[in-house]
Protein backbone atom coordinates (compact mmCIF):
# COMPACT_ATOMS: atom_id res chain seq x y z
CA MET A 1 165.22 -44.36 108.55
CA GLU A 2 161.98 -45.78 107.29
CA LEU A 3 160.25 -44.54 110.38
CA PHE A 4 161.74 -41.18 109.78
CA LEU A 5 160.43 -41.19 106.22
CA VAL A 6 157.04 -42.45 107.31
CA SER A 7 156.83 -39.62 109.85
CA ILE A 8 157.80 -37.10 107.22
CA VAL A 9 155.21 -38.43 104.81
CA ALA A 10 152.62 -38.37 107.54
CA SER A 11 153.51 -34.84 108.40
CA LEU A 12 153.22 -33.80 104.82
CA VAL A 13 149.85 -35.53 104.50
CA VAL A 14 148.60 -33.87 107.64
CA GLY A 15 149.93 -30.50 106.44
CA ALA A 16 148.30 -30.95 103.08
CA LEU A 17 144.99 -31.79 104.70
CA ALA A 18 145.27 -28.83 106.96
CA ALA A 19 146.11 -26.52 104.09
CA GLY A 20 143.25 -27.87 102.02
CA GLY A 21 140.84 -27.31 104.89
CA THR A 22 142.09 -23.83 105.34
CA TYR A 23 141.78 -23.18 101.62
CA PHE A 24 138.23 -24.45 101.52
CA TYR A 25 137.39 -22.42 104.62
CA MET A 26 138.85 -19.28 103.08
CA MET A 27 137.10 -19.90 99.79
CA ASN A 28 133.76 -20.27 101.62
CA ARG A 29 134.32 -16.98 103.49
CA ALA A 30 135.35 -15.20 100.31
CA GLY A 31 132.25 -16.42 98.54
CA SER A 32 130.08 -15.17 101.38
CA ALA A 33 131.77 -11.75 101.30
CA VAL A 34 131.39 -11.51 97.57
CA GLN A 35 127.74 -12.41 97.89
CA ARG A 36 127.25 -9.80 100.58
CA ALA A 37 129.07 -7.20 98.49
CA HIS A 38 126.90 -8.06 95.53
CA GLN A 39 123.79 -7.68 97.64
CA GLU A 40 125.05 -4.35 99.07
CA SER A 41 125.81 -3.04 95.58
CA GLU A 42 122.38 -4.01 94.41
CA ARG A 43 120.88 -2.21 97.40
CA ILE A 44 122.95 0.92 96.72
CA ILE A 45 121.95 0.83 93.06
CA GLU A 46 118.28 0.55 94.04
CA GLU A 47 118.64 3.47 96.48
CA ALA A 48 120.43 5.52 93.80
CA ASN A 49 117.68 4.74 91.34
CA ALA A 50 115.06 5.76 93.90
CA ARG A 51 116.94 9.03 94.67
CA HIS A 52 117.25 9.67 90.97
CA ARG A 53 113.55 9.21 90.51
CA GLU A 54 112.88 11.59 93.41
CA MET A 55 115.22 14.24 91.99
CA VAL A 56 113.60 13.89 88.60
CA LEU A 57 110.21 14.37 90.19
CA GLU A 58 111.42 17.42 92.15
CA ALA A 59 112.95 18.93 89.02
CA LYS A 60 109.69 18.37 87.19
CA ASP A 61 107.77 20.08 90.05
CA GLU A 62 110.15 23.07 90.01
CA ALA A 63 109.84 23.32 86.26
CA ILE A 64 106.06 23.25 86.57
CA GLN A 65 106.17 25.99 89.24
CA LEU A 66 108.52 28.13 87.16
CA ARG A 67 106.27 27.68 84.18
CA ASN A 68 103.23 28.69 86.25
CA GLU A 69 105.02 31.77 87.57
CA MET A 70 106.08 32.75 84.09
CA ASP A 71 102.52 32.31 82.93
CA ARG A 72 101.28 34.57 85.71
CA GLU A 73 103.90 37.21 84.96
CA GLN A 74 103.00 37.08 81.30
CA GLN A 75 99.34 37.50 82.19
CA GLU A 76 100.11 40.49 84.43
CA ARG A 77 102.33 42.06 81.80
CA ARG A 78 99.64 41.45 79.24
CA LYS A 79 97.15 43.21 81.56
CA ASP A 80 99.56 46.12 82.04
CA VAL A 81 100.06 46.39 78.33
CA ASP A 82 96.30 46.34 77.79
CA ARG A 83 95.84 49.03 80.44
CA LEU A 84 98.56 51.21 78.88
CA GLU A 85 97.00 50.72 75.48
CA ARG A 86 93.63 51.83 76.83
CA ARG A 87 95.20 54.90 78.50
CA LEU A 88 97.06 55.81 75.33
CA GLN A 89 93.91 55.43 73.39
CA SER A 90 92.06 57.67 75.87
CA LYS A 91 94.85 60.27 75.66
CA GLU A 92 94.73 60.20 71.92
CA GLU A 93 90.99 60.76 72.03
CA GLN A 94 91.43 63.68 74.44
CA ILE A 95 94.15 65.19 72.27
CA ASP A 96 91.91 64.84 69.27
CA ARG A 97 89.09 66.60 71.09
CA ARG A 98 91.42 69.38 72.23
CA LEU A 99 92.76 69.82 68.76
CA GLU A 100 89.22 70.17 67.52
CA GLY A 101 88.55 72.76 70.26
CA PHE A 102 91.74 74.65 69.36
CA GLU A 103 90.78 74.69 65.75
CA LYS A 104 87.35 76.07 66.66
CA ARG A 105 88.95 78.73 68.87
CA GLU A 106 91.40 79.64 66.17
CA ARG A 107 88.56 80.10 63.71
CA LYS A 108 86.69 82.24 66.27
CA LEU A 109 89.81 84.31 66.95
CA GLN A 110 90.33 84.86 63.27
CA ASN A 111 86.72 85.98 62.96
CA ARG A 112 87.12 88.27 65.98
CA GLU A 113 90.33 89.68 64.57
CA ARG A 114 88.57 90.55 61.37
CA ASP A 115 85.70 92.11 63.31
CA THR A 116 88.17 93.99 65.51
CA GLU A 117 90.01 95.35 62.51
CA GLN A 118 86.74 96.54 61.10
CA VAL A 119 85.73 98.13 64.40
CA TYR A 120 89.17 99.71 64.81
CA ALA A 121 88.99 101.16 61.34
CA LYS A 122 85.52 102.50 62.06
CA ALA A 123 86.73 103.88 65.43
CA GLU A 124 89.62 105.66 63.75
CA GLU A 125 87.21 107.14 61.30
CA LEU A 126 84.88 108.24 64.11
CA LEU A 127 87.85 109.55 66.10
CA GLY A 128 88.96 111.65 63.23
CA GLN A 129 85.45 113.00 62.81
CA ARG A 130 85.20 113.64 66.56
CA GLN A 131 88.58 115.37 66.60
CA GLN A 132 87.47 117.62 63.79
CA GLU A 133 84.21 118.33 65.59
CA LEU A 134 86.03 119.02 68.88
CA GLU A 135 88.44 121.38 67.18
CA ARG A 136 85.48 123.15 65.59
CA VAL A 137 83.52 123.40 68.85
CA ALA A 138 86.46 124.17 71.14
CA GLN A 139 88.16 126.37 68.60
CA LEU A 140 91.47 124.70 69.57
CA THR A 141 93.90 122.89 67.39
CA MET A 142 95.41 119.57 68.41
CA ASP A 143 98.66 121.25 69.49
CA GLU A 144 96.80 123.77 71.61
CA ALA A 145 94.75 121.04 73.25
CA ARG A 146 97.92 119.02 73.88
CA THR A 147 99.52 122.03 75.55
CA LEU A 148 96.45 122.49 77.75
CA VAL A 149 96.49 118.81 78.78
CA LEU A 150 100.20 119.00 79.56
CA GLU A 151 99.61 122.00 81.79
CA GLN A 152 96.88 120.14 83.65
CA GLY A 153 99.16 117.11 83.97
CA GLU A 154 101.93 119.32 85.28
CA THR A 155 99.60 120.65 87.97
CA GLU A 156 98.60 117.14 88.99
CA VAL A 157 102.24 115.99 89.07
CA ARG A 158 103.14 118.98 91.20
CA GLU A 159 100.40 118.12 93.68
CA LEU A 160 101.63 114.54 93.78
CA MET A 161 105.18 115.79 94.38
CA ASN A 162 103.98 117.98 97.24
CA ARG A 163 102.16 115.06 98.77
CA ARG A 164 105.22 112.85 98.40
CA VAL A 165 107.42 115.53 99.96
CA ARG A 166 105.11 115.67 102.97
CA GLU A 167 105.19 111.88 103.27
CA LEU A 168 109.00 111.85 103.07
CA GLU A 169 109.21 114.58 105.66
CA GLN A 170 106.96 112.60 107.99
CA GLU A 171 109.07 109.47 107.49
CA THR A 172 112.21 111.49 108.17
CA LYS A 173 110.74 112.84 111.39
CA GLU A 174 109.79 109.37 112.56
CA GLU A 175 113.27 108.04 111.75
CA ALA A 176 114.90 110.92 113.57
CA ASN A 177 112.63 110.33 116.54
CA ARG A 178 113.65 106.69 116.71
CA LYS A 179 117.38 107.21 116.28
CA ALA A 180 118.43 110.50 117.83
CA ARG A 181 115.21 111.71 119.53
CA GLU A 182 116.17 115.19 118.37
CA ILE A 183 112.57 116.28 117.90
CA LEU A 184 111.90 115.73 121.62
CA ALA A 185 115.06 117.51 122.79
CA THR A 186 113.12 120.40 124.39
CA THR A 187 110.48 119.83 127.05
CA ILE A 188 107.21 121.64 127.50
CA GLN A 189 108.53 123.36 130.60
CA ARG A 190 111.92 124.50 129.26
CA VAL A 191 112.77 127.76 130.98
CA ALA A 192 114.66 130.92 130.06
CA PRO A 193 118.34 131.28 131.13
CA ASP A 194 117.65 133.73 133.96
CA TYR A 195 114.88 131.48 135.24
CA VAL A 196 117.17 128.44 135.06
CA ALA A 197 119.77 130.24 137.13
CA GLU A 198 117.11 131.13 139.67
CA THR A 199 115.58 127.69 140.15
CA THR A 200 118.63 125.48 139.88
CA VAL A 201 120.65 126.97 142.71
CA SER A 202 120.25 127.00 146.49
CA VAL A 203 122.00 129.28 148.94
CA VAL A 204 123.16 128.01 152.34
CA PRO A 205 123.82 130.77 154.91
CA LEU A 206 127.07 130.54 156.91
CA PRO A 207 127.58 131.68 160.51
CA SER A 208 130.82 133.36 159.39
CA ASP A 209 133.16 133.58 156.44
CA ASP A 210 135.67 131.45 158.36
CA MET A 211 133.47 128.41 157.65
CA LYS A 212 134.28 128.68 153.92
CA GLY A 213 137.81 127.48 154.57
CA ARG A 214 136.55 124.53 156.61
CA ILE A 215 134.07 123.65 153.86
CA ILE A 216 136.85 123.68 151.28
CA GLY A 217 139.23 121.68 153.51
CA ARG A 218 142.89 120.99 153.08
CA GLU A 219 143.72 121.03 149.36
CA GLY A 220 139.97 121.05 148.66
CA ARG A 221 139.32 117.53 149.93
CA ASN A 222 136.15 118.44 151.87
CA ILE A 223 134.44 120.23 148.98
CA ARG A 224 135.39 117.43 146.57
CA ALA A 225 134.00 114.83 148.96
CA LEU A 226 130.76 116.79 149.35
CA GLU A 227 130.35 117.30 145.57
CA GLN A 228 131.09 113.63 144.90
CA ALA A 229 128.68 112.41 147.58
CA THR A 230 125.77 114.71 146.61
CA GLY A 231 126.30 115.19 142.87
CA VAL A 232 125.92 118.99 143.11
CA ASP A 233 128.33 121.84 142.47
CA LEU A 234 129.42 123.97 145.43
CA ILE A 235 130.26 127.54 144.58
CA VAL A 236 132.34 129.26 147.25
CA ASP A 237 132.85 132.85 146.07
CA ASP A 238 133.04 136.32 147.53
CA THR A 239 129.40 136.32 148.59
CA PRO A 240 129.50 137.15 152.30
CA GLU A 241 128.45 134.37 154.69
CA ALA A 242 126.86 132.21 151.96
CA VAL A 243 127.65 129.17 149.83
CA THR A 244 125.78 128.40 146.61
CA LEU A 245 124.74 124.87 145.56
CA SER A 246 123.95 124.34 141.88
CA SER A 247 122.32 121.35 140.18
CA PHE A 248 119.60 120.69 137.64
CA ASP A 249 118.33 117.85 139.84
CA PRO A 250 116.23 119.50 142.59
CA VAL A 251 116.35 116.41 144.82
CA ARG A 252 120.14 116.28 144.76
CA ARG A 253 120.25 119.99 145.45
CA GLU A 254 117.94 119.58 148.47
CA ILE A 255 120.05 116.69 149.79
CA GLY A 256 123.18 118.82 149.42
CA ARG A 257 121.54 121.81 151.13
CA ARG A 258 120.32 119.79 154.10
CA ALA A 259 123.59 117.87 154.46
CA LEU A 260 125.67 121.07 154.37
CA SER A 261 123.38 122.70 156.94
CA LYS A 262 123.81 119.71 159.28
CA LEU A 263 127.58 119.74 158.83
CA LEU A 264 127.70 123.45 159.66
CA GLN A 265 125.64 122.87 162.80
CA ASP A 266 127.75 119.87 163.84
CA GLY A 267 131.07 121.54 163.11
CA ARG A 268 132.84 118.30 162.21
CA ILE A 269 133.63 118.55 158.51
CA HIS A 270 135.82 115.86 157.00
CA PRO A 271 135.31 113.31 154.17
CA ALA A 272 134.15 110.42 156.38
CA ARG A 273 131.69 112.61 158.27
CA ILE A 274 130.47 114.17 155.01
CA GLU A 275 129.68 110.74 153.52
CA GLU A 276 127.87 109.69 156.71
CA VAL A 277 125.75 112.84 156.87
CA VAL A 278 124.92 112.75 153.15
CA ASN A 279 123.72 109.12 153.35
CA LYS A 280 121.57 109.93 156.37
CA THR A 281 120.18 113.05 154.69
CA ARG A 282 119.42 111.10 151.52
CA SER A 283 117.34 108.64 153.53
CA GLU A 284 115.52 111.53 155.20
CA VAL A 285 114.76 113.22 151.88
CA GLU A 286 113.52 109.97 150.37
CA GLN A 287 111.22 109.54 153.38
CA ILE A 288 109.96 113.11 152.92
CA ILE A 289 109.37 112.41 149.21
CA ARG A 290 107.27 109.30 149.99
CA GLU A 291 105.30 111.12 152.67
CA GLU A 292 104.61 114.10 150.41
CA GLY A 293 103.48 111.79 147.60
CA GLU A 294 101.17 109.87 149.90
CA LYS A 295 99.84 113.11 151.38
CA VAL A 296 98.97 114.58 147.97
CA ALA A 297 97.37 111.32 146.81
CA TYR A 298 95.27 111.27 149.97
CA GLU A 299 94.21 114.92 149.57
CA ALA A 300 93.28 114.30 145.93
CA ASN A 301 91.41 111.12 146.93
CA VAL A 302 93.28 109.07 144.32
CA GLN A 303 93.79 105.51 145.48
CA GLY A 304 95.67 102.47 144.22
CA LEU A 305 98.76 104.29 142.94
CA HIS A 306 101.91 102.28 142.41
CA PRO A 307 104.60 103.03 145.05
CA ASP A 308 106.95 104.27 142.33
CA LEU A 309 104.30 106.74 141.16
CA VAL A 310 103.88 107.98 144.73
CA LYS A 311 107.64 108.43 145.00
CA LEU A 312 107.81 110.35 141.71
CA MET A 313 104.93 112.54 142.86
CA GLY A 314 106.89 113.39 146.00
CA ARG A 315 109.90 114.45 143.91
CA LEU A 316 107.74 117.22 142.41
CA LYS A 317 107.84 118.95 145.82
CA TYR A 318 111.27 120.22 144.82
CA ARG A 319 110.30 121.21 141.26
CA THR A 320 108.86 124.61 140.28
CA SER A 321 107.50 126.06 137.05
CA TYR A 322 107.52 129.85 136.81
CA GLY A 323 107.74 129.90 140.59
CA GLN A 324 104.68 127.64 140.96
CA ASN A 325 105.35 124.48 142.95
CA VAL A 326 104.63 121.56 140.61
CA LEU A 327 103.36 119.26 143.37
CA HIS A 328 100.83 121.84 144.59
CA HIS A 329 99.95 122.58 140.97
CA SER A 330 99.25 118.87 140.33
CA LEU A 331 96.98 118.67 143.37
CA GLU A 332 95.12 121.79 142.25
CA VAL A 333 94.69 120.44 138.70
CA SER A 334 93.36 117.15 140.11
CA LEU A 335 90.73 118.94 142.21
CA ILE A 336 89.70 121.17 139.29
CA ALA A 337 89.51 118.21 136.89
CA GLY A 338 87.39 116.23 139.35
CA ALA A 339 84.93 119.10 139.65
CA LEU A 340 84.72 119.57 135.87
CA ALA A 341 84.24 115.82 135.32
CA ALA A 342 81.42 115.73 137.84
CA GLU A 343 79.68 118.64 136.08
CA LEU A 344 80.15 117.09 132.61
CA GLN A 345 79.26 113.55 133.75
CA ALA A 346 82.66 112.23 132.68
CA ASP A 347 84.77 109.61 134.46
CA VAL A 348 85.75 111.42 137.66
CA ASN A 349 88.35 108.84 138.73
CA VAL A 350 90.13 108.94 135.37
CA CYS A 351 90.19 112.75 135.33
CA LYS A 352 91.45 113.09 138.93
CA THR A 353 94.13 110.42 138.49
CA ALA A 354 95.34 111.70 135.12
CA ALA A 355 95.35 115.30 136.40
CA LEU A 356 97.34 114.34 139.50
CA LEU A 357 99.89 112.50 137.35
CA HIS A 358 99.88 114.86 134.35
CA ASP A 359 103.26 116.45 135.27
CA ILE A 360 104.85 113.25 136.63
CA GLY A 361 107.31 113.40 133.71
CA LYS A 362 108.86 116.54 135.20
CA ALA A 363 110.28 114.41 138.00
CA VAL A 364 112.64 112.74 135.50
CA ASP A 365 112.69 115.12 132.52
CA HIS A 366 116.30 116.05 133.30
CA GLU A 367 117.19 112.36 132.85
CA VAL A 368 115.05 111.48 129.80
CA GLU A 369 114.74 113.44 126.57
CA GLY A 370 111.33 114.44 125.33
CA PRO A 371 108.27 116.45 126.38
CA HIS A 372 107.31 115.79 129.99
CA ALA A 373 103.76 114.84 128.89
CA LEU A 374 104.99 111.91 126.81
CA ILE A 375 107.55 110.92 129.45
CA GLY A 376 104.82 110.89 132.11
CA ALA A 377 102.47 108.91 129.89
CA ASP A 378 105.15 106.28 129.33
CA ILE A 379 105.81 106.04 133.08
CA ALA A 380 102.08 105.69 133.83
CA ARG A 381 101.72 103.00 131.15
CA ARG A 382 104.63 100.98 132.54
CA LEU A 383 103.28 101.26 136.10
CA GLY A 384 99.85 99.87 135.29
CA ARG A 385 97.62 102.90 134.64
CA SER A 386 94.71 102.47 132.21
CA ALA A 387 94.83 103.54 128.56
CA LYS A 388 92.44 106.47 129.22
CA ILE A 389 94.69 107.87 131.96
CA VAL A 390 97.82 107.42 129.82
CA HIS A 391 96.17 109.19 126.87
CA ALA A 392 94.97 112.10 129.04
CA ILE A 393 98.50 112.58 130.40
CA ALA A 394 100.07 112.49 126.93
CA ALA A 395 97.48 114.89 125.45
CA HIS A 396 97.37 117.60 128.14
CA HIS A 397 99.79 119.77 126.11
CA PHE A 398 98.54 118.39 122.76
CA GLU A 399 101.64 116.28 121.99
CA GLU A 400 98.85 113.85 121.14
CA GLU A 401 95.49 114.91 119.77
CA PRO A 402 92.89 114.54 122.59
CA ARG A 403 90.39 111.83 121.71
CA THR A 404 88.37 111.60 124.91
CA VAL A 405 86.36 113.99 127.08
CA GLU A 406 88.66 113.19 130.01
CA ALA A 407 91.72 114.30 128.00
CA PHE A 408 90.12 117.67 127.24
CA ILE A 409 89.13 118.10 130.89
CA VAL A 410 92.70 117.47 132.11
CA ALA A 411 94.15 119.93 129.56
CA THR A 412 91.55 122.54 130.57
CA ALA A 413 92.21 122.07 134.30
CA ASP A 414 95.97 122.42 133.70
CA ALA A 415 95.44 125.68 131.80
CA ILE A 416 93.14 127.03 134.53
CA SER A 417 95.63 126.25 137.30
CA GLY A 418 98.56 127.80 135.44
CA ALA A 419 96.65 130.88 134.28
CA ARG A 420 94.89 131.89 137.51
CA PRO A 421 96.10 135.17 139.03
CA GLY A 422 99.09 134.78 141.32
CA ALA A 423 99.84 131.21 140.25
CA ARG A 424 103.03 132.01 138.36
CA ARG A 425 105.60 134.74 138.38
CA GLU A 426 105.25 135.72 134.76
CA MET A 427 103.53 139.09 134.59
CA VAL A 428 100.66 139.81 132.25
CA GLU A 429 102.78 142.32 130.34
CA GLN A 430 105.52 139.75 129.77
CA TYR A 431 102.95 137.18 128.72
CA ILE A 432 101.41 139.56 126.18
CA LYS A 433 104.83 140.56 124.87
CA ARG A 434 105.78 136.92 124.37
CA LEU A 435 102.60 136.25 122.37
CA GLU A 436 103.12 139.40 120.30
CA ALA A 437 106.70 138.37 119.59
CA LEU A 438 105.50 134.98 118.36
CA GLU A 439 102.92 136.55 116.07
CA GLY A 440 105.49 139.08 114.87
CA VAL A 441 108.00 136.39 113.90
CA ALA A 442 105.32 134.47 112.00
CA SER A 443 104.01 137.59 110.22
CA SER A 444 107.48 138.62 109.05
CA PHE A 445 107.47 136.00 106.26
CA SER A 446 106.07 136.77 102.84
CA GLY A 447 102.79 135.15 101.93
CA VAL A 448 101.48 135.16 105.52
CA GLU A 449 98.08 136.82 105.81
CA LYS A 450 97.36 136.30 109.54
CA ALA A 451 99.13 134.74 112.53
CA TYR A 452 97.55 133.82 115.86
CA ALA A 453 99.33 132.70 119.05
CA ILE A 454 97.02 130.32 120.95
CA GLN A 455 97.20 127.76 123.76
CA ALA A 456 99.04 130.24 126.00
CA GLY A 457 101.78 130.59 123.41
CA ARG A 458 102.26 126.86 122.87
CA GLU A 459 100.89 126.98 119.29
CA VAL A 460 101.02 129.46 116.42
CA ARG A 461 98.46 129.13 113.64
CA ILE A 462 99.34 130.87 110.40
CA LEU A 463 97.00 131.59 107.47
CA VAL A 464 98.77 132.01 104.13
CA ALA A 465 97.63 133.33 100.77
CA PRO A 466 96.84 130.29 98.60
CA ASP A 467 97.76 132.10 95.40
CA SER A 468 101.32 132.88 96.47
CA VAL A 469 102.09 129.86 98.68
CA ASP A 470 101.53 126.31 97.40
CA ASP A 471 101.53 123.10 99.48
CA LEU A 472 105.27 122.55 99.16
CA ALA A 473 106.03 126.17 100.04
CA ALA A 474 103.72 125.90 103.08
CA THR A 475 105.81 123.02 104.39
CA ARG A 476 109.01 125.01 103.92
CA LEU A 477 107.40 128.06 105.52
CA ALA A 478 106.51 126.12 108.69
CA ARG A 479 110.07 124.85 108.93
CA ASP A 480 111.55 128.36 108.43
CA ILE A 481 109.26 129.89 111.05
CA VAL A 482 110.24 127.22 113.59
CA LYS A 483 113.91 127.90 112.90
CA LYS A 484 113.51 131.66 113.37
CA ILE A 485 111.53 131.20 116.61
CA GLN A 486 114.28 129.00 118.01
CA GLU A 487 116.96 131.50 117.05
CA SER A 488 115.29 134.76 118.11
CA LEU A 489 112.96 133.95 121.04
CA GLU A 490 113.21 132.40 124.49
CA PHE A 491 110.22 130.31 125.47
CA PRO A 492 109.28 127.52 127.89
CA GLY A 493 108.35 124.11 126.53
CA GLN A 494 107.80 123.67 122.82
CA ILE A 495 105.77 125.64 120.31
CA LYS A 496 103.69 124.00 117.61
CA VAL A 497 103.62 125.88 114.29
CA THR A 498 100.62 125.13 112.05
CA VAL A 499 100.48 126.62 108.54
CA ILE A 500 97.00 126.61 106.99
CA ARG A 501 96.56 127.02 103.25
CA GLU A 502 92.91 127.26 102.29
CA THR A 503 91.46 127.64 98.82
CA ARG A 504 87.86 128.75 98.48
CA ALA A 505 85.74 128.67 95.32
CA ILE A 506 82.81 131.11 95.43
CA GLU A 507 80.13 131.55 92.79
CA TYR A 508 76.83 133.38 92.81
CA ALA A 509 73.54 132.18 91.29
CA ARG A 510 71.68 135.06 89.66
């Protein structure tokens, strides 16, 4: 029992010692931790103080920078304000100077106004005196003088109206030419009805009247096929052993005539054969046209022509004018023009070329409206001929006023070729009657003193009495004469009507 107690006491003592050691050990560790925590806190405080000092310094630097920037802005604004003040001051000085100038001008204007009023009053006084003197010298009152002035003004206004009417008429003609081309509806070589019937038909002889039925075919299919293929009209009538071909296109008519002749010789007449023969004949005629054009160009010694011009020249082989073959006429005009140009020392090449091509418009005048001279000039221009040649072609019937020697030579050569004896079918008596008829129509109007038909009947010049016909009436007279000529006469080409009103003032010195 005692041992048990002793052991318990010993255990307690040992436990107490152990606990005390542990306590002291823990206390020592706690003291060390507290000391380290104190040191760490002091270090943190020092770092915080250092960071605070740095932030304070940075804030001070930023404040200093902001203050410097504000100072600079204030200086710049102060400079701007100073500059604006100087500009305002300069403007005020300028305004002051201008005001002074305006005041001086106003004073001058007031002085001038007073002087002007004085001068005006003096002028009115002088005007009144002059009016009285004029009335005394002229022996006219103011009303009479006013009436005289109005009459003179009326005359001047009338002349202006006449001039304006002529201008409007010219503008109307130009507008009509652009839109409807009515002014150019007739060509220079328009022919009379009997002449048209003579030169626009061809007669094909038949071996017998039985061939007429074969030409017509069953239900008319052969004649329709032939008309459709050639573009000509076939007239099968009671004329014995003959068929008539009619067309305004001479080339088509020639193709139809040749094709029908071949069909009659062959004997096989049906639509397929007709088309075959017509195509072959068309090629042959085109070859003939080219050869004829080249032949005439060679004979005229005109080189460098465009192939289309050569082809158009060949088409003139089938065109006549008053029975005169136009292709032969063109060659003759070219030779005459070349001779005249050589004598007058003009441009021989221009004259010969323009003369050879002067009627080239007749090859297409049934397709294009207008005088053949202008049509031919347009064709020559488009196919590369020079301006001199184009002008000579356009002016050979005076659709344009000739401006060059070559143009006059071509017009003269054309007149010589057409007027030589035997060149055309028109008899001298018929020619004279046509000119007399033109002069008679022109002389039938009142106010006409004399009328002359010139340029082989292509122009009528009319002299009127200036006292009875004024400028406006002269314009109306020309229009009325043209209308009456168109209604009462038949004529080839176009006729230019020129009304001349001439006023002469004659005095004698004694």
